Protein backbone atom coordinates (compact mmCIF):
# COMPACT_ATOMS: atom_id res chain seq x y z
CA UNK A 1 0.00 0.00 0.00
CA UNK A 2 1.42 3.35 -1.03
CA UNK A 3 2.30 5.67 1.84
CA UNK A 4 0.92 8.61 -0.17
CA UNK A 5 -2.55 7.03 0.00
CA UNK A 6 -2.37 6.45 3.74
CA UNK A 7 -0.70 9.68 4.87
CA UNK A 8 -3.82 11.88 4.40
CA UNK A 9 -5.64 9.76 7.01
CA UNK A 10 -2.75 10.07 9.44
CA UNK A 11 -2.29 13.80 8.84
CA UNK A 12 -6.03 14.46 9.04
CA UNK A 13 -6.56 12.54 12.27
CA UNK A 14 -3.56 14.07 14.00
CA UNK A 15 -4.45 17.58 12.79
CA UNK A 16 -8.08 17.30 13.93
CA UNK A 17 -7.12 15.92 17.35
CA UNK A 18 -4.48 18.58 17.89
CA UNK A 19 -6.57 21.55 16.73
CA UNK A 20 -9.89 20.56 18.32
CA UNK A 21 -8.68 19.01 21.58
CA UNK A 22 -4.98 19.99 21.92
CA UNK A 23 -4.08 16.27 21.84
CA UNK A 24 -0.48 15.38 21.03
CA UNK A 25 0.21 12.00 19.43
CA UNK A 26 3.14 9.65 19.07
CA UNK A 27 3.09 6.93 16.39
CA UNK A 28 3.67 3.31 17.25
CA UNK A 29 4.82 0.59 14.80
CA UNK A 30 2.49 -0.06 11.84
CA UNK A 31 1.20 -3.55 11.19
CA UNK A 32 -1.15 -5.49 8.92
CA UNK A 33 -4.32 -6.63 10.59
CA UNK A 34 -5.02 -10.36 10.66
CA UNK A 35 -8.76 -10.10 11.33
CA UNK A 36 -11.61 -7.57 11.19
CA UNK A 37 -12.03 -7.02 14.96
CA UNK A 38 -12.08 -3.43 16.22
CA UNK A 39 -8.98 -2.36 18.09
CA UNK A 40 -10.81 0.23 20.17
CA UNK A 41 -14.00 0.67 22.14
CA UNK A 42 -15.66 3.01 19.62
CA UNK A 43 -14.90 3.44 15.91
CA UNK A 44 -15.89 5.81 13.13
CA UNK A 45 -16.10 4.04 9.75
CA UNK A 46 -15.32 5.80 6.46
CA UNK A 47 -16.02 4.73 2.89
CA UNK A 48 -13.69 5.73 0.02
CA UNK A 49 -15.01 5.87 -3.55
CA UNK A 50 -14.07 7.45 -6.88
CA UNK A 51 -10.59 7.03 -8.37
CA UNK A 52 -9.87 4.76 -5.38
CA UNK A 53 -12.12 2.32 -3.56
CA UNK A 54 -11.55 1.43 0.05
CA UNK A 55 -12.44 1.99 3.64
CA UNK A 56 -10.95 3.34 6.81
CA UNK A 57 -11.72 3.33 10.51
CA UNK A 58 -10.67 5.57 13.37
CA UNK A 59 -10.90 3.66 16.64
CA UNK A 60 -10.58 5.09 20.13
CA UNK A 61 -10.14 3.48 23.51
CA UNK A 62 -12.84 4.58 25.96
CA UNK A 63 -10.17 6.50 27.90
CA UNK A 64 -8.94 8.35 24.82
CA UNK A 65 -12.33 9.38 23.43
CA UNK A 66 -13.55 10.52 26.86
CA UNK A 67 -10.39 12.62 27.26
CA UNK A 68 -10.57 14.00 23.72
CA UNK A 69 -14.24 14.97 23.96
CA UNK A 70 -13.73 16.40 27.46
CA UNK A 71 -11.03 18.66 25.99
CA UNK A 72 -13.23 19.58 23.00
CA UNK A 73 -16.28 20.44 25.16
CA UNK A 74 -14.40 21.91 28.10
CA UNK A 75 -16.23 19.65 30.55
CA UNK A 76 -15.39 16.28 32.03
CA UNK A 77 -16.99 13.34 30.22
CA UNK A 78 -17.06 10.14 32.27
CA UNK A 79 -19.00 7.66 30.11
CA UNK A 80 -19.72 6.94 26.49
CA UNK A 81 -23.10 8.49 25.68
CA UNK A 82 -24.83 10.14 22.71
CA UNK A 83 -22.51 13.17 22.89
CA UNK A 84 -19.46 10.90 22.60
CA UNK A 85 -21.00 8.91 19.74
CA UNK A 86 -21.83 12.17 17.93
CA UNK A 87 -18.28 13.45 18.51
CA UNK A 88 -16.78 10.30 16.94
CA UNK A 89 -18.97 10.93 13.89
CA UNK A 90 -17.92 14.59 13.77
CA UNK A 91 -14.22 13.75 14.11
CA UNK A 92 -14.64 11.15 11.35
CA UNK A 93 -16.38 13.71 9.11
CA UNK A 94 -13.57 16.23 9.66
CA UNK A 95 -10.94 13.60 8.83
CA UNK A 96 -12.91 12.65 5.70
CA UNK A 97 -12.89 16.28 4.52
CA UNK A 98 -9.14 16.56 5.14
CA UNK A 99 -8.49 13.33 3.21
CA UNK A 100 -10.54 14.49 0.21
CA UNK A 101 -8.60 17.78 0.11
CA UNK A 102 -5.23 16.01 0.27
CA UNK A 103 -6.25 13.44 -2.35
CA UNK A 104 -7.38 16.25 -4.68
CA UNK A 105 -3.89 17.77 -4.32
CA UNK A 106 -2.57 14.41 -5.63
CA UNK A 107 -5.02 14.60 -8.58
CA UNK A 108 -7.18 11.82 -7.16
CA UNK A 109 -10.92 12.38 -7.35
CA UNK A 110 -12.31 10.60 -4.31
CA UNK A 111 -15.25 10.91 -1.99
CA UNK A 112 -14.63 9.94 1.61
CA UNK A 113 -17.73 9.78 3.70
CA UNK A 114 -18.58 8.86 7.25
CA UNK A 115 -20.74 5.71 7.27
CA UNK A 116 -21.40 4.86 10.90
CA UNK A 117 -20.10 4.63 14.44
CA UNK A 118 -19.53 1.14 15.80
CA UNK A 119 -19.45 0.44 19.51
CA UNK A 120 -17.54 -2.24 21.35
CA UNK A 121 -14.13 -3.81 21.41
CA UNK A 122 -13.83 -6.82 19.13
CA UNK A 123 -16.90 -5.95 16.99
CA UNK A 124 -16.19 -6.58 13.33
CA UNK A 125 -15.12 -3.53 11.33
CA UNK A 126 -17.05 -3.50 8.05
CA UNK A 127 -14.12 -2.79 5.73
CA UNK A 128 -14.71 -2.83 1.99
CA UNK A 129 -15.40 -6.29 0.61
CA UNK A 130 -12.47 -7.78 -1.30
CA UNK A 131 -9.67 -5.80 0.36
CA UNK A 132 -6.57 -7.95 0.74
CA UNK A 133 -4.81 -6.01 3.49
CA UNK A 134 -5.80 -3.67 6.29
CA UNK A 135 -2.97 -1.41 7.42
CA UNK A 136 -3.11 -0.41 11.09
CA UNK A 137 -1.50 2.82 12.29
CA UNK A 138 -1.61 2.96 16.11
CA UNK A 139 -0.94 6.11 18.13
CA UNK A 140 -0.34 6.77 21.78
CA UNK A 141 -1.87 10.16 22.57
CA UNK A 142 -1.89 12.34 25.66
CA UNK A 143 -5.44 11.03 26.21
CA UNK A 144 -4.93 7.32 25.37
CA UNK A 145 -4.84 4.98 22.39
CA UNK A 146 -6.12 5.91 18.91
CA UNK A 147 -5.88 3.54 15.93
CA UNK A 148 -6.34 4.30 12.23
CA UNK A 149 -7.07 1.46 9.81
CA UNK A 150 -6.93 1.91 6.04
CA UNK A 151 -7.50 -0.51 3.17
CA UNK A 152 -7.91 -0.18 -0.58
CA UNK A 153 -9.07 -2.49 -3.32
CA UNK A 154 -6.41 -3.25 -5.88
CA UNK A 155 -7.23 -1.71 -9.19
C-alpha atoms as a PDB file:
ATOM      1  CA  UNK A   1       0.000   0.000   0.000  1.00  0.00           C
ATOM      2  CA  UNK A   2       1.417   3.350  -1.028  1.00  0.00           C
ATOM      3  CA  UNK A   3       2.296   5.668   1.839  1.00  0.00           C
ATOM      4  CA  UNK A   4       0.923   8.611  -0.171  1.00  0.00           C
ATOM      5  CA  UNK A   5      -2.552   7.030  -0.002  1.00  0.00           C
ATOM      6  CA  UNK A   6      -2.372   6.453   3.743  1.00  0.00           C
ATOM      7  CA  UNK A   7      -0.702   9.679   4.867  1.00  0.00           C
ATOM      8  CA  UNK A   8      -3.819  11.881   4.397  1.00  0.00           C
ATOM      9  CA  UNK A   9      -5.644   9.763   7.008  1.00  0.00           C
ATOM     10  CA  UNK A  10      -2.746  10.067   9.443  1.00  0.00           C
ATOM     11  CA  UNK A  11      -2.292  13.801   8.836  1.00  0.00           C
ATOM     12  CA  UNK A  12      -6.027  14.456   9.037  1.00  0.00           C
ATOM     13  CA  UNK A  13      -6.562  12.541  12.265  1.00  0.00           C
ATOM     14  CA  UNK A  14      -3.559  14.067  14.005  1.00  0.00           C
ATOM     15  CA  UNK A  15      -4.455  17.582  12.794  1.00  0.00           C
ATOM     16  CA  UNK A  16      -8.078  17.296  13.934  1.00  0.00           C
ATOM     17  CA  UNK A  17      -7.118  15.921  17.353  1.00  0.00           C
ATOM     18  CA  UNK A  18      -4.478  18.583  17.889  1.00  0.00           C
ATOM     19  CA  UNK A  19      -6.567  21.547  16.730  1.00  0.00           C
ATOM     20  CA  UNK A  20      -9.894  20.562  18.323  1.00  0.00           C
ATOM     21  CA  UNK A  21      -8.677  19.008  21.578  1.00  0.00           C
ATOM     22  CA  UNK A  22      -4.976  19.985  21.919  1.00  0.00           C
ATOM     23  CA  UNK A  23      -4.080  16.274  21.840  1.00  0.00           C
ATOM     24  CA  UNK A  24      -0.477  15.381  21.026  1.00  0.00           C
ATOM     25  CA  UNK A  25       0.207  11.997  19.430  1.00  0.00           C
ATOM     26  CA  UNK A  26       3.142   9.647  19.070  1.00  0.00           C
ATOM     27  CA  UNK A  27       3.095   6.934  16.386  1.00  0.00           C
ATOM     28  CA  UNK A  28       3.675   3.306  17.249  1.00  0.00           C
ATOM     29  CA  UNK A  29       4.817   0.590  14.797  1.00  0.00           C
ATOM     30  CA  UNK A  30       2.487  -0.058  11.841  1.00  0.00           C
ATOM     31  CA  UNK A  31       1.202  -3.552  11.187  1.00  0.00           C
ATOM     32  CA  UNK A  32      -1.145  -5.491   8.919  1.00  0.00           C
ATOM     33  CA  UNK A  33      -4.320  -6.627  10.591  1.00  0.00           C
ATOM     34  CA  UNK A  34      -5.016 -10.359  10.659  1.00  0.00           C
ATOM     35  CA  UNK A  35      -8.760 -10.104  11.328  1.00  0.00           C
ATOM     36  CA  UNK A  36     -11.609  -7.572  11.194  1.00  0.00           C
ATOM     37  CA  UNK A  37     -12.028  -7.022  14.955  1.00  0.00           C
ATOM     38  CA  UNK A  38     -12.082  -3.434  16.216  1.00  0.00           C
ATOM     39  CA  UNK A  39      -8.983  -2.355  18.085  1.00  0.00           C
ATOM     40  CA  UNK A  40     -10.807   0.228  20.170  1.00  0.00           C
ATOM     41  CA  UNK A  41     -14.004   0.672  22.143  1.00  0.00           C
ATOM     42  CA  UNK A  42     -15.663   3.008  19.622  1.00  0.00           C
ATOM     43  CA  UNK A  43     -14.899   3.437  15.910  1.00  0.00           C
ATOM     44  CA  UNK A  44     -15.887   5.811  13.129  1.00  0.00           C
ATOM     45  CA  UNK A  45     -16.099   4.044   9.751  1.00  0.00           C
ATOM     46  CA  UNK A  46     -15.319   5.797   6.465  1.00  0.00           C
ATOM     47  CA  UNK A  47     -16.017   4.728   2.885  1.00  0.00           C
ATOM     48  CA  UNK A  48     -13.691   5.732   0.019  1.00  0.00           C
ATOM     49  CA  UNK A  49     -15.010   5.874  -3.553  1.00  0.00           C
ATOM     50  CA  UNK A  50     -14.069   7.452  -6.876  1.00  0.00           C
ATOM     51  CA  UNK A  51     -10.592   7.027  -8.368  1.00  0.00           C
ATOM     52  CA  UNK A  52      -9.868   4.760  -5.378  1.00  0.00           C
ATOM     53  CA  UNK A  53     -12.125   2.317  -3.564  1.00  0.00           C
ATOM     54  CA  UNK A  54     -11.547   1.430   0.045  1.00  0.00           C
ATOM     55  CA  UNK A  55     -12.444   1.994   3.639  1.00  0.00           C
ATOM     56  CA  UNK A  56     -10.947   3.344   6.813  1.00  0.00           C
ATOM     57  CA  UNK A  57     -11.718   3.326  10.512  1.00  0.00           C
ATOM     58  CA  UNK A  58     -10.672   5.574  13.366  1.00  0.00           C
ATOM     59  CA  UNK A  59     -10.900   3.664  16.641  1.00  0.00           C
ATOM     60  CA  UNK A  60     -10.579   5.085  20.133  1.00  0.00           C
ATOM     61  CA  UNK A  61     -10.140   3.476  23.512  1.00  0.00           C
ATOM     62  CA  UNK A  62     -12.836   4.576  25.961  1.00  0.00           C
ATOM     63  CA  UNK A  63     -10.174   6.499  27.903  1.00  0.00           C
ATOM     64  CA  UNK A  64      -8.941   8.354  24.819  1.00  0.00           C
ATOM     65  CA  UNK A  65     -12.331   9.380  23.428  1.00  0.00           C
ATOM     66  CA  UNK A  66     -13.551  10.518  26.860  1.00  0.00           C
ATOM     67  CA  UNK A  67     -10.390  12.620  27.257  1.00  0.00           C
ATOM     68  CA  UNK A  68     -10.571  14.001  23.722  1.00  0.00           C
ATOM     69  CA  UNK A  69     -14.244  14.967  23.958  1.00  0.00           C
ATOM     70  CA  UNK A  70     -13.732  16.401  27.460  1.00  0.00           C
ATOM     71  CA  UNK A  71     -11.025  18.658  25.987  1.00  0.00           C
ATOM     72  CA  UNK A  72     -13.229  19.578  23.003  1.00  0.00           C
ATOM     73  CA  UNK A  73     -16.275  20.437  25.163  1.00  0.00           C
ATOM     74  CA  UNK A  74     -14.398  21.912  28.099  1.00  0.00           C
ATOM     75  CA  UNK A  75     -16.232  19.652  30.551  1.00  0.00           C
ATOM     76  CA  UNK A  76     -15.393  16.277  32.030  1.00  0.00           C
ATOM     77  CA  UNK A  77     -16.991  13.344  30.220  1.00  0.00           C
ATOM     78  CA  UNK A  78     -17.063  10.138  32.265  1.00  0.00           C
ATOM     79  CA  UNK A  79     -18.995   7.664  30.111  1.00  0.00           C
ATOM     80  CA  UNK A  80     -19.723   6.937  26.486  1.00  0.00           C
ATOM     81  CA  UNK A  81     -23.097   8.485  25.681  1.00  0.00           C
ATOM     82  CA  UNK A  82     -24.833  10.137  22.706  1.00  0.00           C
ATOM     83  CA  UNK A  83     -22.505  13.172  22.893  1.00  0.00           C
ATOM     84  CA  UNK A  84     -19.460  10.897  22.603  1.00  0.00           C
ATOM     85  CA  UNK A  85     -21.003   8.913  19.744  1.00  0.00           C
ATOM     86  CA  UNK A  86     -21.832  12.167  17.931  1.00  0.00           C
ATOM     87  CA  UNK A  87     -18.285  13.448  18.513  1.00  0.00           C
ATOM     88  CA  UNK A  88     -16.782  10.303  16.938  1.00  0.00           C
ATOM     89  CA  UNK A  89     -18.975  10.935  13.894  1.00  0.00           C
ATOM     90  CA  UNK A  90     -17.923  14.585  13.769  1.00  0.00           C
ATOM     91  CA  UNK A  91     -14.217  13.746  14.113  1.00  0.00           C
ATOM     92  CA  UNK A  92     -14.639  11.145  11.351  1.00  0.00           C
ATOM     93  CA  UNK A  93     -16.380  13.709   9.105  1.00  0.00           C
ATOM     94  CA  UNK A  94     -13.570  16.229   9.656  1.00  0.00           C
ATOM     95  CA  UNK A  95     -10.943  13.601   8.833  1.00  0.00           C
ATOM     96  CA  UNK A  96     -12.906  12.648   5.700  1.00  0.00           C
ATOM     97  CA  UNK A  97     -12.887  16.277   4.524  1.00  0.00           C
ATOM     98  CA  UNK A  98      -9.141  16.560   5.144  1.00  0.00           C
ATOM     99  CA  UNK A  99      -8.490  13.329   3.206  1.00  0.00           C
ATOM    100  CA  UNK A 100     -10.539  14.493   0.212  1.00  0.00           C
ATOM    101  CA  UNK A 101      -8.604  17.785   0.109  1.00  0.00           C
ATOM    102  CA  UNK A 102      -5.226  16.014   0.267  1.00  0.00           C
ATOM    103  CA  UNK A 103      -6.254  13.441  -2.351  1.00  0.00           C
ATOM    104  CA  UNK A 104      -7.382  16.246  -4.682  1.00  0.00           C
ATOM    105  CA  UNK A 105      -3.894  17.770  -4.318  1.00  0.00           C
ATOM    106  CA  UNK A 106      -2.570  14.408  -5.628  1.00  0.00           C
ATOM    107  CA  UNK A 107      -5.016  14.604  -8.577  1.00  0.00           C
ATOM    108  CA  UNK A 108      -7.184  11.824  -7.160  1.00  0.00           C
ATOM    109  CA  UNK A 109     -10.923  12.379  -7.348  1.00  0.00           C
ATOM    110  CA  UNK A 110     -12.315  10.601  -4.310  1.00  0.00           C
ATOM    111  CA  UNK A 111     -15.248  10.908  -1.994  1.00  0.00           C
ATOM    112  CA  UNK A 112     -14.626   9.937   1.605  1.00  0.00           C
ATOM    113  CA  UNK A 113     -17.733   9.781   3.699  1.00  0.00           C
ATOM    114  CA  UNK A 114     -18.576   8.858   7.251  1.00  0.00           C
ATOM    115  CA  UNK A 115     -20.736   5.712   7.266  1.00  0.00           C
ATOM    116  CA  UNK A 116     -21.396   4.857  10.905  1.00  0.00           C
ATOM    117  CA  UNK A 117     -20.097   4.626  14.443  1.00  0.00           C
ATOM    118  CA  UNK A 118     -19.526   1.142  15.797  1.00  0.00           C
ATOM    119  CA  UNK A 119     -19.455   0.439  19.512  1.00  0.00           C
ATOM    120  CA  UNK A 120     -17.541  -2.245  21.346  1.00  0.00           C
ATOM    121  CA  UNK A 121     -14.129  -3.808  21.412  1.00  0.00           C
ATOM    122  CA  UNK A 122     -13.833  -6.817  19.127  1.00  0.00           C
ATOM    123  CA  UNK A 123     -16.899  -5.949  16.993  1.00  0.00           C
ATOM    124  CA  UNK A 124     -16.186  -6.584  13.332  1.00  0.00           C
ATOM    125  CA  UNK A 125     -15.122  -3.533  11.331  1.00  0.00           C
ATOM    126  CA  UNK A 126     -17.045  -3.504   8.053  1.00  0.00           C
ATOM    127  CA  UNK A 127     -14.121  -2.792   5.728  1.00  0.00           C
ATOM    128  CA  UNK A 128     -14.708  -2.833   1.991  1.00  0.00           C
ATOM    129  CA  UNK A 129     -15.399  -6.294   0.611  1.00  0.00           C
ATOM    130  CA  UNK A 130     -12.474  -7.783  -1.298  1.00  0.00           C
ATOM    131  CA  UNK A 131      -9.668  -5.803   0.361  1.00  0.00           C
ATOM    132  CA  UNK A 132      -6.571  -7.955   0.744  1.00  0.00           C
ATOM    133  CA  UNK A 133      -4.815  -6.012   3.491  1.00  0.00           C
ATOM    134  CA  UNK A 134      -5.805  -3.672   6.286  1.00  0.00           C
ATOM    135  CA  UNK A 135      -2.970  -1.405   7.416  1.00  0.00           C
ATOM    136  CA  UNK A 136      -3.115  -0.412  11.085  1.00  0.00           C
ATOM    137  CA  UNK A 137      -1.497   2.821  12.288  1.00  0.00           C
ATOM    138  CA  UNK A 138      -1.615   2.964  16.106  1.00  0.00           C
ATOM    139  CA  UNK A 139      -0.937   6.107  18.130  1.00  0.00           C
ATOM    140  CA  UNK A 140      -0.337   6.771  21.783  1.00  0.00           C
ATOM    141  CA  UNK A 141      -1.869  10.156  22.574  1.00  0.00           C
ATOM    142  CA  UNK A 142      -1.886  12.338  25.662  1.00  0.00           C
ATOM    143  CA  UNK A 143      -5.444  11.033  26.211  1.00  0.00           C
ATOM    144  CA  UNK A 144      -4.932   7.322  25.369  1.00  0.00           C
ATOM    145  CA  UNK A 145      -4.845   4.983  22.392  1.00  0.00           C
ATOM    146  CA  UNK A 146      -6.119   5.907  18.911  1.00  0.00           C
ATOM    147  CA  UNK A 147      -5.877   3.545  15.932  1.00  0.00           C
ATOM    148  CA  UNK A 148      -6.336   4.304  12.234  1.00  0.00           C
ATOM    149  CA  UNK A 149      -7.072   1.462   9.806  1.00  0.00           C
ATOM    150  CA  UNK A 150      -6.929   1.911   6.042  1.00  0.00           C
ATOM    151  CA  UNK A 151      -7.503  -0.514   3.173  1.00  0.00           C
ATOM    152  CA  UNK A 152      -7.915  -0.179  -0.585  1.00  0.00           C
ATOM    153  CA  UNK A 153      -9.071  -2.492  -3.318  1.00  0.00           C
ATOM    154  CA  UNK A 154      -6.413  -3.247  -5.876  1.00  0.00           C
ATOM    155  CA  UNK A 155      -7.226  -1.707  -9.186  1.00  0.00           C
END
